[in-house]
Amino acid sequence: MALLNPRREKFCRNVALLKMRGGKAYMSAGFDTKSVEVSGRSAALLMRRVDVQNRIAALLEREIEADMQTRESLVAKHMEIANRCMQKVPVKDGSGKDIGIWKFDSTGGNNALAGAAKLLGLSVEKIAITGIEAEVNGKSQKELLEMVTAAAVDLGRDFIKQLGEKVGLQYRGDGEGDAGATAPTIEPVSTLQ
């Protein structure tokens, strides 16, 4: 049952059916607001009302029920197509006379069944695996450990190189610094006694 206040009813419909949030649903319902921030707070207060919560729940329930009826209808149509395609049908000439050949449409039947399965959520789409997932997909535990070790060595090498540059040591990447370079003198930090 609709709410007596038309603006509240509009607000509930905005939230439930149009999937609007907070202040936008509040302003679209025709409430006077000074700013979007104020309308957001006002919408939060309105959402606390039991009659508003019940109305939104009822609208959502009705929408879900309508969606289920639509799905059931579409599945029934797909199944009818599949059944028609899977039966043998006599082929007729232009005058409607059987010519003795029977036709069977397995492709149409399979497509109709696939459509019904998709509507019911029973089919799985192929998902492309990219990035790191593609790189580690199918690897054994030993191969993964080798990959992690190699990455850690590379990261350590980069860290040492950056650290060496900070202190003035030229790092060649083979674990040794440049013999000609001298590190700056670092004064020890005094400690409080």
N, C-alpha and C. Protein backbone atom coordinates (compact mmCIF):
# COMPACT_ATOMS: atom_id res chain seq x y z
N MET A 1 0.84 -1.16 0.00
CA MET A 1 0.00 0.00 0.00
C MET A 1 0.90 1.24 0.00
N ALA A 2 0.58 2.18 -0.86
CA ALA A 2 1.37 3.41 -0.98
C ALA A 2 1.25 4.25 0.29
N LEU A 3 2.28 5.02 0.54
CA LEU A 3 2.27 5.91 1.69
C LEU A 3 1.34 7.09 1.43
N LEU A 4 0.78 7.65 2.49
CA LEU A 4 -0.13 8.78 2.36
C LEU A 4 0.60 10.03 1.89
N ASN A 5 1.82 10.22 2.33
CA ASN A 5 2.61 11.39 1.93
C ASN A 5 3.23 11.11 0.56
N PRO A 6 2.84 11.86 -0.48
CA PRO A 6 3.35 11.57 -1.83
C PRO A 6 4.86 11.72 -1.97
N ARG A 7 5.46 12.66 -1.23
CA ARG A 7 6.92 12.82 -1.33
C ARG A 7 7.63 11.62 -0.72
N ARG A 8 7.12 11.11 0.38
CA ARG A 8 7.72 9.92 0.98
C ARG A 8 7.57 8.71 0.06
N GLU A 9 6.41 8.60 -0.57
CA GLU A 9 6.20 7.50 -1.52
C GLU A 9 7.19 7.59 -2.68
N LYS A 10 7.36 8.81 -3.19
CA LYS A 10 8.32 9.03 -4.29
C LYS A 10 9.74 8.68 -3.82
N PHE A 11 10.08 9.07 -2.59
CA PHE A 11 11.39 8.75 -2.03
C PHE A 11 11.59 7.23 -1.99
N CYS A 12 10.58 6.51 -1.49
CA CYS A 12 10.67 5.04 -1.42
C CYS A 12 10.84 4.42 -2.79
N ARG A 13 10.11 4.94 -3.77
CA ARG A 13 10.24 4.42 -5.14
C ARG A 13 11.62 4.73 -5.73
N ASN A 14 12.13 5.92 -5.42
CA ASN A 14 13.48 6.28 -5.90
C ASN A 14 14.52 5.31 -5.35
N VAL A 15 14.38 4.98 -4.07
CA VAL A 15 15.35 4.09 -3.43
C VAL A 15 15.19 2.66 -3.94
N ALA A 16 13.95 2.15 -3.94
CA ALA A 16 13.72 0.74 -4.26
C ALA A 16 13.79 0.44 -5.75
N LEU A 17 13.16 1.25 -6.55
CA LEU A 17 13.04 0.93 -7.98
C LEU A 17 14.11 1.58 -8.85
N LEU A 18 14.47 2.82 -8.53
CA LEU A 18 15.45 3.53 -9.34
C LEU A 18 16.87 3.41 -8.79
N LYS A 19 16.99 2.74 -7.64
CA LYS A 19 18.29 2.47 -7.00
C LYS A 19 19.07 3.75 -6.70
N MET A 20 18.33 4.82 -6.38
CA MET A 20 18.99 6.07 -5.98
C MET A 20 19.44 5.94 -4.53
N ARG A 21 20.40 6.73 -4.16
CA ARG A 21 20.90 6.70 -2.78
C ARG A 21 20.67 8.04 -2.11
N GLY A 22 20.45 7.96 -0.81
CA GLY A 22 20.41 9.08 0.10
C GLY A 22 19.85 10.39 -0.42
N GLY A 23 20.76 11.40 -0.44
CA GLY A 23 20.37 12.76 -0.77
C GLY A 23 19.77 12.90 -2.15
N LYS A 24 20.28 12.12 -3.11
CA LYS A 24 19.75 12.22 -4.47
C LYS A 24 18.29 11.77 -4.52
N ALA A 25 17.98 10.66 -3.84
CA ALA A 25 16.59 10.18 -3.79
C ALA A 25 15.71 11.18 -3.06
N TYR A 26 16.24 11.79 -2.03
CA TYR A 26 15.50 12.76 -1.23
C TYR A 26 15.16 14.00 -2.06
N MET A 27 16.17 14.54 -2.75
CA MET A 27 15.95 15.74 -3.57
C MET A 27 15.03 15.44 -4.74
N SER A 28 15.20 14.27 -5.37
CA SER A 28 14.37 13.91 -6.52
C SER A 28 12.91 13.72 -6.12
N ALA A 29 12.66 13.40 -4.85
CA ALA A 29 11.29 13.22 -4.38
C ALA A 29 10.57 14.55 -4.17
N GLY A 30 11.30 15.66 -4.24
CA GLY A 30 10.67 16.96 -4.14
C GLY A 30 10.79 17.63 -2.79
N PHE A 31 11.61 17.08 -1.91
CA PHE A 31 11.81 17.73 -0.61
C PHE A 31 12.69 18.95 -0.80
N ASP A 32 12.41 20.01 -0.05
CA ASP A 32 13.21 21.23 -0.10
C ASP A 32 14.47 21.03 0.73
N THR A 33 15.61 21.32 0.13
CA THR A 33 16.87 21.18 0.85
C THR A 33 17.77 22.36 0.51
N LYS A 34 18.65 22.67 1.43
CA LYS A 34 19.58 23.76 1.22
C LYS A 34 20.83 23.30 0.49
N SER A 35 21.21 22.04 0.71
CA SER A 35 22.41 21.52 0.05
C SER A 35 22.31 20.01 -0.04
N VAL A 36 23.22 19.43 -0.80
CA VAL A 36 23.27 17.98 -0.95
C VAL A 36 23.59 17.33 0.40
N GLU A 37 24.46 17.97 1.17
CA GLU A 37 24.84 17.45 2.48
C GLU A 37 23.63 17.38 3.41
N VAL A 38 22.84 18.44 3.41
CA VAL A 38 21.64 18.47 4.25
C VAL A 38 20.65 17.41 3.78
N SER A 39 20.49 17.26 2.47
CA SER A 39 19.54 16.27 1.96
C SER A 39 19.99 14.86 2.32
N GLY A 40 21.29 14.61 2.37
CA GLY A 40 21.79 13.30 2.77
C GLY A 40 21.44 12.98 4.21
N ARG A 41 21.61 13.96 5.08
CA ARG A 41 21.25 13.76 6.50
C ARG A 41 19.75 13.58 6.65
N SER A 42 18.98 14.37 5.91
CA SER A 42 17.51 14.26 5.99
C SER A 42 17.05 12.91 5.46
N ALA A 43 17.69 12.43 4.41
CA ALA A 43 17.34 11.11 3.85
C ALA A 43 17.63 10.02 4.87
N ALA A 44 18.76 10.13 5.59
CA ALA A 44 19.10 9.14 6.62
C ALA A 44 18.04 9.12 7.72
N LEU A 45 17.56 10.28 8.10
CA LEU A 45 16.50 10.35 9.11
C LEU A 45 15.21 9.72 8.60
N LEU A 46 14.89 10.00 7.34
CA LEU A 46 13.67 9.45 6.75
C LEU A 46 13.76 7.92 6.65
N MET A 47 14.95 7.42 6.37
CA MET A 47 15.14 5.97 6.24
C MET A 47 14.96 5.24 7.58
N ARG A 48 15.02 5.96 8.68
CA ARG A 48 14.82 5.35 10.00
C ARG A 48 13.36 5.09 10.31
N ARG A 49 12.47 5.73 9.56
CA ARG A 49 11.04 5.57 9.82
C ARG A 49 10.61 4.15 9.42
N VAL A 50 9.84 3.52 10.28
CA VAL A 50 9.38 2.15 10.05
C VAL A 50 8.48 2.07 8.82
N ASP A 51 7.57 3.05 8.63
CA ASP A 51 6.68 3.02 7.47
C ASP A 51 7.46 3.12 6.17
N VAL A 52 8.53 3.92 6.16
CA VAL A 52 9.37 4.05 4.96
C VAL A 52 10.12 2.75 4.71
N GLN A 53 10.68 2.16 5.74
CA GLN A 53 11.41 0.89 5.60
C GLN A 53 10.48 -0.21 5.08
N ASN A 54 9.27 -0.28 5.63
CA ASN A 54 8.31 -1.29 5.19
C ASN A 54 7.90 -1.09 3.73
N ARG A 55 7.72 0.17 3.34
CA ARG A 55 7.32 0.45 1.95
C ARG A 55 8.43 0.08 0.98
N ILE A 56 9.66 0.41 1.32
CA ILE A 56 10.80 0.06 0.46
C ILE A 56 10.90 -1.45 0.34
N ALA A 57 10.73 -2.16 1.45
CA ALA A 57 10.79 -3.63 1.43
C ALA A 57 9.68 -4.20 0.55
N ALA A 58 8.47 -3.64 0.65
CA ALA A 58 7.34 -4.12 -0.17
C ALA A 58 7.61 -3.87 -1.65
N LEU A 59 8.15 -2.71 -1.98
CA LEU A 59 8.46 -2.41 -3.39
C LEU A 59 9.54 -3.34 -3.93
N LEU A 60 10.55 -3.61 -3.13
CA LEU A 60 11.62 -4.52 -3.55
C LEU A 60 11.08 -5.94 -3.74
N GLU A 61 10.22 -6.36 -2.83
CA GLU A 61 9.63 -7.70 -2.92
C GLU A 61 8.80 -7.84 -4.19
N ARG A 62 8.03 -6.80 -4.48
CA ARG A 62 7.20 -6.83 -5.70
C ARG A 62 8.07 -6.86 -6.95
N GLU A 63 9.18 -6.11 -6.92
CA GLU A 63 10.08 -6.10 -8.07
C GLU A 63 10.75 -7.46 -8.27
N ILE A 64 11.15 -8.10 -7.18
CA ILE A 64 11.78 -9.42 -7.26
C ILE A 64 10.79 -10.44 -7.80
N GLU A 65 9.54 -10.36 -7.32
CA GLU A 65 8.51 -11.28 -7.79
C GLU A 65 8.25 -11.11 -9.29
N ALA A 66 8.19 -9.87 -9.74
CA ALA A 66 7.99 -9.60 -11.18
C ALA A 66 9.16 -10.11 -11.99
N ASP A 67 10.36 -9.94 -11.46
CA ASP A 67 11.56 -10.42 -12.15
C ASP A 67 11.53 -11.95 -12.27
N MET A 68 11.12 -12.63 -11.22
CA MET A 68 11.04 -14.10 -11.24
C MET A 68 10.00 -14.57 -12.25
N GLN A 69 8.85 -13.89 -12.32
CA GLN A 69 7.83 -14.26 -13.29
C GLN A 69 8.34 -14.07 -14.71
N THR A 70 9.09 -12.98 -14.94
CA THR A 70 9.66 -12.74 -16.26
C THR A 70 10.66 -13.83 -16.62
N ARG A 71 11.51 -14.19 -15.67
CA ARG A 71 12.49 -15.26 -15.91
C ARG A 71 11.80 -16.57 -16.22
N GLU A 72 10.79 -16.91 -15.40
CA GLU A 72 10.06 -18.16 -15.62
C GLU A 72 9.42 -18.18 -17.00
N SER A 73 8.87 -17.06 -17.42
CA SER A 73 8.24 -16.96 -18.74
C SER A 73 9.28 -17.15 -19.84
N LEU A 74 10.43 -16.51 -19.69
CA LEU A 74 11.49 -16.64 -20.69
C LEU A 74 12.04 -18.06 -20.74
N VAL A 75 12.21 -18.68 -19.59
CA VAL A 75 12.69 -20.06 -19.55
C VAL A 75 11.68 -20.97 -20.24
N ALA A 76 10.39 -20.77 -19.98
CA ALA A 76 9.35 -21.58 -20.61
C ALA A 76 9.40 -21.44 -22.14
N LYS A 77 9.61 -20.22 -22.61
CA LYS A 77 9.70 -20.00 -24.07
C LYS A 77 10.94 -20.69 -24.65
N HIS A 78 12.06 -20.60 -23.95
CA HIS A 78 13.27 -21.29 -24.41
C HIS A 78 13.05 -22.80 -24.45
N MET A 79 12.38 -23.33 -23.45
CA MET A 79 12.13 -24.77 -23.41
C MET A 79 11.19 -25.19 -24.54
N GLU A 80 10.22 -24.35 -24.85
CA GLU A 80 9.30 -24.65 -25.96
C GLU A 80 10.07 -24.69 -27.28
N ILE A 81 10.95 -23.74 -27.47
CA ILE A 81 11.79 -23.72 -28.69
C ILE A 81 12.66 -24.95 -28.72
N ALA A 82 13.29 -25.29 -27.59
CA ALA A 82 14.15 -26.47 -27.55
C ALA A 82 13.36 -27.73 -27.89
N ASN A 83 12.17 -27.87 -27.33
CA ASN A 83 11.34 -29.06 -27.62
C ASN A 83 10.95 -29.13 -29.09
N ARG A 84 10.61 -27.99 -29.66
CA ARG A 84 10.25 -27.98 -31.08
C ARG A 84 11.43 -28.33 -31.97
N CYS A 85 12.60 -27.82 -31.60
CA CYS A 85 13.79 -28.10 -32.40
C CYS A 85 14.24 -29.55 -32.28
N MET A 86 13.99 -30.18 -31.15
CA MET A 86 14.49 -31.52 -30.91
C MET A 86 13.58 -32.61 -31.48
N GLN A 87 12.36 -32.26 -31.89
CA GLN A 87 11.50 -33.28 -32.46
C GLN A 87 11.67 -33.33 -33.97
N LYS A 88 11.39 -34.47 -34.52
CA LYS A 88 11.49 -34.63 -35.97
C LYS A 88 10.23 -34.02 -36.59
N VAL A 89 10.45 -33.18 -37.56
CA VAL A 89 9.35 -32.47 -38.20
C VAL A 89 9.37 -32.82 -39.69
N PRO A 90 8.22 -33.21 -40.25
CA PRO A 90 8.22 -33.52 -41.68
C PRO A 90 8.43 -32.25 -42.52
N VAL A 91 9.21 -32.39 -43.58
CA VAL A 91 9.45 -31.28 -44.49
C VAL A 91 8.36 -31.33 -45.56
N LYS A 92 7.76 -30.18 -45.83
CA LYS A 92 6.65 -30.12 -46.80
C LYS A 92 7.06 -29.30 -48.00
N ASP A 93 6.44 -29.60 -49.12
CA ASP A 93 6.71 -28.81 -50.32
C ASP A 93 5.82 -27.57 -50.31
N GLY A 94 5.84 -26.80 -51.37
CA GLY A 94 5.10 -25.54 -51.45
C GLY A 94 3.61 -25.71 -51.28
N SER A 95 3.04 -26.86 -51.64
CA SER A 95 1.60 -27.07 -51.51
C SER A 95 1.20 -27.65 -50.16
N GLY A 96 2.18 -27.91 -49.28
CA GLY A 96 1.89 -28.44 -47.94
C GLY A 96 1.92 -29.96 -47.87
N LYS A 97 2.39 -30.61 -48.93
CA LYS A 97 2.42 -32.06 -48.97
C LYS A 97 3.77 -32.55 -48.44
N ASP A 98 3.75 -33.63 -47.59
CA ASP A 98 5.00 -34.21 -47.09
C ASP A 98 5.83 -34.73 -48.26
N ILE A 99 7.14 -34.45 -48.22
CA ILE A 99 8.02 -34.95 -49.28
C ILE A 99 8.85 -36.15 -48.79
N GLY A 100 8.54 -36.64 -47.57
CA GLY A 100 9.18 -37.85 -47.07
C GLY A 100 10.50 -37.63 -46.34
N ILE A 101 10.89 -36.39 -46.13
CA ILE A 101 12.13 -36.09 -45.40
C ILE A 101 11.75 -35.48 -44.06
N TRP A 102 12.46 -35.92 -43.03
CA TRP A 102 12.21 -35.39 -41.69
C TRP A 102 13.40 -34.51 -41.30
N LYS A 103 13.08 -33.40 -40.65
CA LYS A 103 14.11 -32.43 -40.28
C LYS A 103 14.27 -32.41 -38.76
N PHE A 104 15.53 -32.31 -38.32
CA PHE A 104 15.87 -32.25 -36.90
C PHE A 104 16.85 -31.11 -36.71
N ASP A 105 16.55 -30.16 -35.81
CA ASP A 105 17.39 -28.97 -35.62
C ASP A 105 18.09 -29.02 -34.27
N SER A 106 19.22 -29.73 -34.22
CA SER A 106 19.93 -29.86 -32.95
C SER A 106 20.59 -28.54 -32.53
N THR A 107 21.05 -27.74 -33.48
CA THR A 107 21.70 -26.47 -33.15
C THR A 107 20.71 -25.52 -32.48
N GLY A 108 19.53 -25.40 -33.05
CA GLY A 108 18.50 -24.54 -32.46
C GLY A 108 18.11 -25.03 -31.07
N GLY A 109 17.99 -26.35 -30.91
CA GLY A 109 17.64 -26.91 -29.60
C GLY A 109 18.71 -26.64 -28.57
N ASN A 110 19.97 -26.83 -28.96
CA ASN A 110 21.08 -26.57 -28.03
C ASN A 110 21.16 -25.10 -27.65
N ASN A 111 20.95 -24.22 -28.62
CA ASN A 111 20.98 -22.77 -28.33
C ASN A 111 19.86 -22.37 -27.38
N ALA A 112 18.67 -22.94 -27.58
CA ALA A 112 17.54 -22.64 -26.71
C ALA A 112 17.81 -23.15 -25.29
N LEU A 113 18.38 -24.34 -25.17
CA LEU A 113 18.70 -24.88 -23.84
C LEU A 113 19.79 -24.04 -23.16
N ALA A 114 20.77 -23.59 -23.94
CA ALA A 114 21.83 -22.74 -23.37
C ALA A 114 21.24 -21.42 -22.88
N GLY A 115 20.30 -20.86 -23.64
CA GLY A 115 19.64 -19.61 -23.22
C GLY A 115 18.86 -19.81 -21.93
N ALA A 116 18.15 -20.94 -21.81
CA ALA A 116 17.40 -21.22 -20.57
C ALA A 116 18.35 -21.40 -19.40
N ALA A 117 19.45 -22.11 -19.62
CA ALA A 117 20.43 -22.32 -18.54
C ALA A 117 21.04 -21.00 -18.08
N LYS A 118 21.30 -20.11 -19.03
CA LYS A 118 21.87 -18.80 -18.67
C LYS A 118 20.87 -18.00 -17.83
N LEU A 119 19.59 -18.03 -18.20
CA LEU A 119 18.57 -17.32 -17.42
C LEU A 119 18.45 -17.86 -16.00
N LEU A 120 18.67 -19.16 -15.85
CA LEU A 120 18.58 -19.78 -14.53
C LEU A 120 19.88 -19.70 -13.75
N GLY A 121 20.92 -19.15 -14.37
CA GLY A 121 22.20 -19.02 -13.69
C GLY A 121 22.97 -20.33 -13.63
N LEU A 122 22.67 -21.24 -14.55
CA LEU A 122 23.32 -22.55 -14.55
C LEU A 122 24.52 -22.63 -15.48
N SER A 123 24.74 -21.61 -16.28
CA SER A 123 25.86 -21.66 -17.21
C SER A 123 27.01 -20.83 -16.67
N VAL A 124 28.21 -21.20 -17.04
CA VAL A 124 29.41 -20.50 -16.59
C VAL A 124 30.09 -19.93 -17.82
N GLU A 125 30.29 -18.63 -17.80
CA GLU A 125 30.98 -17.97 -18.90
C GLU A 125 32.48 -18.20 -18.76
N LYS A 126 33.18 -18.23 -19.88
CA LYS A 126 34.63 -18.33 -19.81
C LYS A 126 35.19 -17.01 -19.29
N ILE A 127 36.14 -17.12 -18.39
CA ILE A 127 36.75 -15.94 -17.79
C ILE A 127 38.20 -15.89 -18.23
N ALA A 128 38.61 -14.77 -18.78
CA ALA A 128 39.99 -14.61 -19.19
C ALA A 128 40.84 -14.30 -17.97
N ILE A 129 41.89 -15.07 -17.79
CA ILE A 129 42.80 -14.84 -16.68
C ILE A 129 43.97 -14.04 -17.21
N THR A 130 44.23 -12.90 -16.57
CA THR A 130 45.31 -12.03 -17.03
C THR A 130 46.20 -11.68 -15.86
N GLY A 131 47.28 -11.02 -16.16
CA GLY A 131 48.19 -10.52 -15.13
C GLY A 131 48.88 -11.62 -14.38
N ILE A 132 49.06 -11.42 -13.09
CA ILE A 132 49.80 -12.36 -12.25
C ILE A 132 49.07 -13.70 -12.17
N GLU A 133 47.71 -13.67 -12.23
CA GLU A 133 46.96 -14.92 -12.17
C GLU A 133 47.32 -15.83 -13.34
N ALA A 134 47.47 -15.24 -14.53
CA ALA A 134 47.83 -16.02 -15.70
C ALA A 134 49.24 -16.58 -15.56
N GLU A 135 50.11 -15.81 -14.95
CA GLU A 135 51.51 -16.23 -14.81
C GLU A 135 51.66 -17.40 -13.84
N VAL A 136 50.86 -17.44 -12.77
CA VAL A 136 51.01 -18.49 -11.77
C VAL A 136 50.02 -19.64 -11.98
N ASN A 137 49.07 -19.48 -12.88
CA ASN A 137 48.06 -20.50 -13.11
C ASN A 137 48.70 -21.80 -13.61
N GLY A 138 48.43 -22.90 -12.93
CA GLY A 138 48.92 -24.20 -13.35
C GLY A 138 50.34 -24.52 -12.91
N LYS A 139 50.98 -23.65 -12.18
CA LYS A 139 52.36 -23.89 -11.74
C LYS A 139 52.34 -24.80 -10.50
N SER A 140 53.38 -25.61 -10.38
CA SER A 140 53.51 -26.47 -9.21
C SER A 140 54.01 -25.63 -8.03
N GLN A 141 53.97 -26.22 -6.84
CA GLN A 141 54.42 -25.51 -5.65
C GLN A 141 55.91 -25.18 -5.77
N LYS A 142 56.68 -26.10 -6.34
CA LYS A 142 58.12 -25.88 -6.51
C LYS A 142 58.38 -24.72 -7.47
N GLU A 143 57.64 -24.68 -8.57
CA GLU A 143 57.80 -23.59 -9.54
C GLU A 143 57.42 -22.25 -8.94
N LEU A 144 56.35 -22.24 -8.14
CA LEU A 144 55.92 -21.00 -7.48
C LEU A 144 56.98 -20.52 -6.49
N LEU A 145 57.57 -21.46 -5.74
CA LEU A 145 58.61 -21.09 -4.79
C LEU A 145 59.82 -20.51 -5.51
N GLU A 146 60.18 -21.08 -6.66
CA GLU A 146 61.30 -20.55 -7.46
C GLU A 146 60.99 -19.14 -7.96
N MET A 147 59.73 -18.91 -8.38
CA MET A 147 59.33 -17.58 -8.85
C MET A 147 59.42 -16.56 -7.72
N VAL A 148 58.96 -16.94 -6.53
CA VAL A 148 58.99 -16.03 -5.38
C VAL A 148 60.44 -15.73 -4.99
N THR A 149 61.28 -16.76 -5.00
CA THR A 149 62.69 -16.57 -4.64
C THR A 149 63.36 -15.62 -5.62
N ALA A 150 63.13 -15.82 -6.92
CA ALA A 150 63.73 -14.95 -7.93
C ALA A 150 63.25 -13.51 -7.77
N ALA A 151 61.96 -13.34 -7.47
CA ALA A 151 61.42 -12.00 -7.28
C ALA A 151 62.04 -11.34 -6.05
N ALA A 152 62.22 -12.12 -4.99
CA ALA A 152 62.83 -11.58 -3.77
C ALA A 152 64.27 -11.16 -4.01
N VAL A 153 65.01 -11.95 -4.79
CA VAL A 153 66.40 -11.59 -5.11
C VAL A 153 66.43 -10.29 -5.90
N ASP A 154 65.54 -10.18 -6.89
CA ASP A 154 65.48 -8.95 -7.69
C ASP A 154 65.12 -7.75 -6.82
N LEU A 155 64.15 -7.91 -5.93
CA LEU A 155 63.77 -6.81 -5.05
C LEU A 155 64.91 -6.43 -4.12
N GLY A 156 65.60 -7.43 -3.59
CA GLY A 156 66.73 -7.17 -2.71
C GLY A 156 67.84 -6.44 -3.43
N ARG A 157 68.10 -6.85 -4.66
CA ARG A 157 69.14 -6.21 -5.48
C ARG A 157 68.78 -4.75 -5.72
N ASP A 158 67.53 -4.49 -6.04
CA ASP A 158 67.09 -3.11 -6.27
C ASP A 158 67.20 -2.28 -5.00
N PHE A 159 66.83 -2.88 -3.87
CA PHE A 159 66.91 -2.17 -2.60
C PHE A 159 68.36 -1.82 -2.26
N ILE A 160 69.25 -2.79 -2.45
CA ILE A 160 70.67 -2.55 -2.15
C ILE A 160 71.22 -1.46 -3.06
N LYS A 161 70.82 -1.49 -4.33
CA LYS A 161 71.29 -0.47 -5.28
C LYS A 161 70.83 0.92 -4.82
N GLN A 162 69.55 1.05 -4.45
CA GLN A 162 69.03 2.34 -4.01
C GLN A 162 69.70 2.79 -2.71
N LEU A 163 69.92 1.85 -1.80
CA LEU A 163 70.57 2.18 -0.55
C LEU A 163 72.02 2.62 -0.79
N GLY A 164 72.70 1.92 -1.68
CA GLY A 164 74.08 2.28 -2.02
C GLY A 164 74.16 3.66 -2.63
N GLU A 165 73.21 4.00 -3.49
CA GLU A 165 73.20 5.33 -4.09
C GLU A 165 72.98 6.41 -3.04
N LYS A 166 72.17 6.10 -2.04
CA LYS A 166 71.91 7.07 -0.96
C LYS A 166 73.18 7.38 -0.16
N VAL A 167 74.01 6.36 0.04
CA VAL A 167 75.22 6.56 0.84
C VAL A 167 76.45 6.83 -0.02
N GLY A 168 76.26 6.89 -1.34
CA GLY A 168 77.35 7.25 -2.24
C GLY A 168 78.15 6.07 -2.77
N LEU A 169 77.67 4.86 -2.65
CA LEU A 169 78.36 3.67 -3.15
C LEU A 169 77.76 3.30 -4.49
N GLN A 170 78.59 3.14 -5.51
CA GLN A 170 78.10 2.78 -6.84
C GLN A 170 77.97 1.25 -6.91
N TYR A 171 76.75 0.76 -7.04
CA TYR A 171 76.48 -0.67 -7.04
C TYR A 171 76.41 -1.15 -8.49
N ARG A 172 77.14 -2.25 -8.80
CA ARG A 172 77.17 -2.77 -10.17
C ARG A 172 76.12 -3.85 -10.41
N GLY A 173 75.51 -4.38 -9.36
CA GLY A 173 74.50 -5.41 -9.54
C GLY A 173 75.03 -6.81 -9.33
N ASP A 174 76.35 -6.97 -9.08
CA ASP A 174 76.91 -8.30 -8.87
C ASP A 174 77.21 -8.56 -7.40
N GLY A 175 76.69 -7.71 -6.55
CA GLY A 175 76.90 -7.90 -5.12
C GLY A 175 78.05 -7.09 -4.57
N GLU A 176 78.80 -6.44 -5.43
CA GLU A 176 79.96 -5.66 -4.98
C GLU A 176 79.77 -4.21 -5.35
N GLY A 177 80.32 -3.33 -4.53
CA GLY A 177 80.29 -1.91 -4.82
C GLY A 177 81.49 -1.53 -5.66
N ASP A 178 81.50 -0.34 -6.20
CA ASP A 178 82.62 0.16 -7.00
C ASP A 178 83.77 0.46 -6.04
N ALA A 179 84.92 -0.17 -6.31
CA ALA A 179 86.06 -0.04 -5.40
C ALA A 179 86.57 1.38 -5.33
N GLY A 180 86.42 2.15 -6.40
CA GLY A 180 86.93 3.52 -6.42
C GLY A 180 86.06 4.49 -5.64
N ALA A 181 84.83 4.11 -5.39
CA ALA A 181 83.92 5.04 -4.70
C ALA A 181 84.11 4.93 -3.21
N THR A 182 84.02 6.05 -2.58
CA THR A 182 84.13 6.04 -1.12
C THR A 182 82.81 6.48 -0.52
N ALA A 183 82.46 5.81 0.53
CA ALA A 183 81.21 6.15 1.21
C ALA A 183 81.43 7.38 2.07
N PRO A 184 80.44 8.21 2.20
CA PRO A 184 80.60 9.39 3.04
C PRO A 184 80.80 8.98 4.50
N THR A 185 81.48 9.85 5.22
CA THR A 185 81.70 9.59 6.64
C THR A 185 80.40 9.84 7.38
N ILE A 186 80.03 8.90 8.22
CA ILE A 186 78.79 9.04 8.99
C ILE A 186 79.19 9.23 10.44
N GLU A 187 78.74 10.32 11.01
CA GLU A 187 79.04 10.61 12.41
C GLU A 187 78.16 9.75 13.30
N PRO A 188 78.71 9.17 14.36
CA PRO A 188 77.87 8.37 15.26
C PRO A 188 76.90 9.28 16.01
N VAL A 189 75.74 8.73 16.28
CA VAL A 189 74.72 9.47 17.00
C VAL A 189 74.98 9.30 18.48
N SER A 190 75.03 10.41 19.21
CA SER A 190 75.28 10.30 20.64
C SER A 190 74.02 9.83 21.33
N THR A 191 74.23 9.06 22.39
CA THR A 191 73.09 8.56 23.15
C THR A 191 73.04 9.25 24.49
N LEU A 192 71.89 9.39 25.02
CA LEU A 192 71.73 9.99 26.33
C LEU A 192 72.12 9.00 27.40
N GLN A 193 72.84 9.46 28.41
CA GLN A 193 73.29 8.57 29.48
C GLN A 193 72.47 8.77 30.70
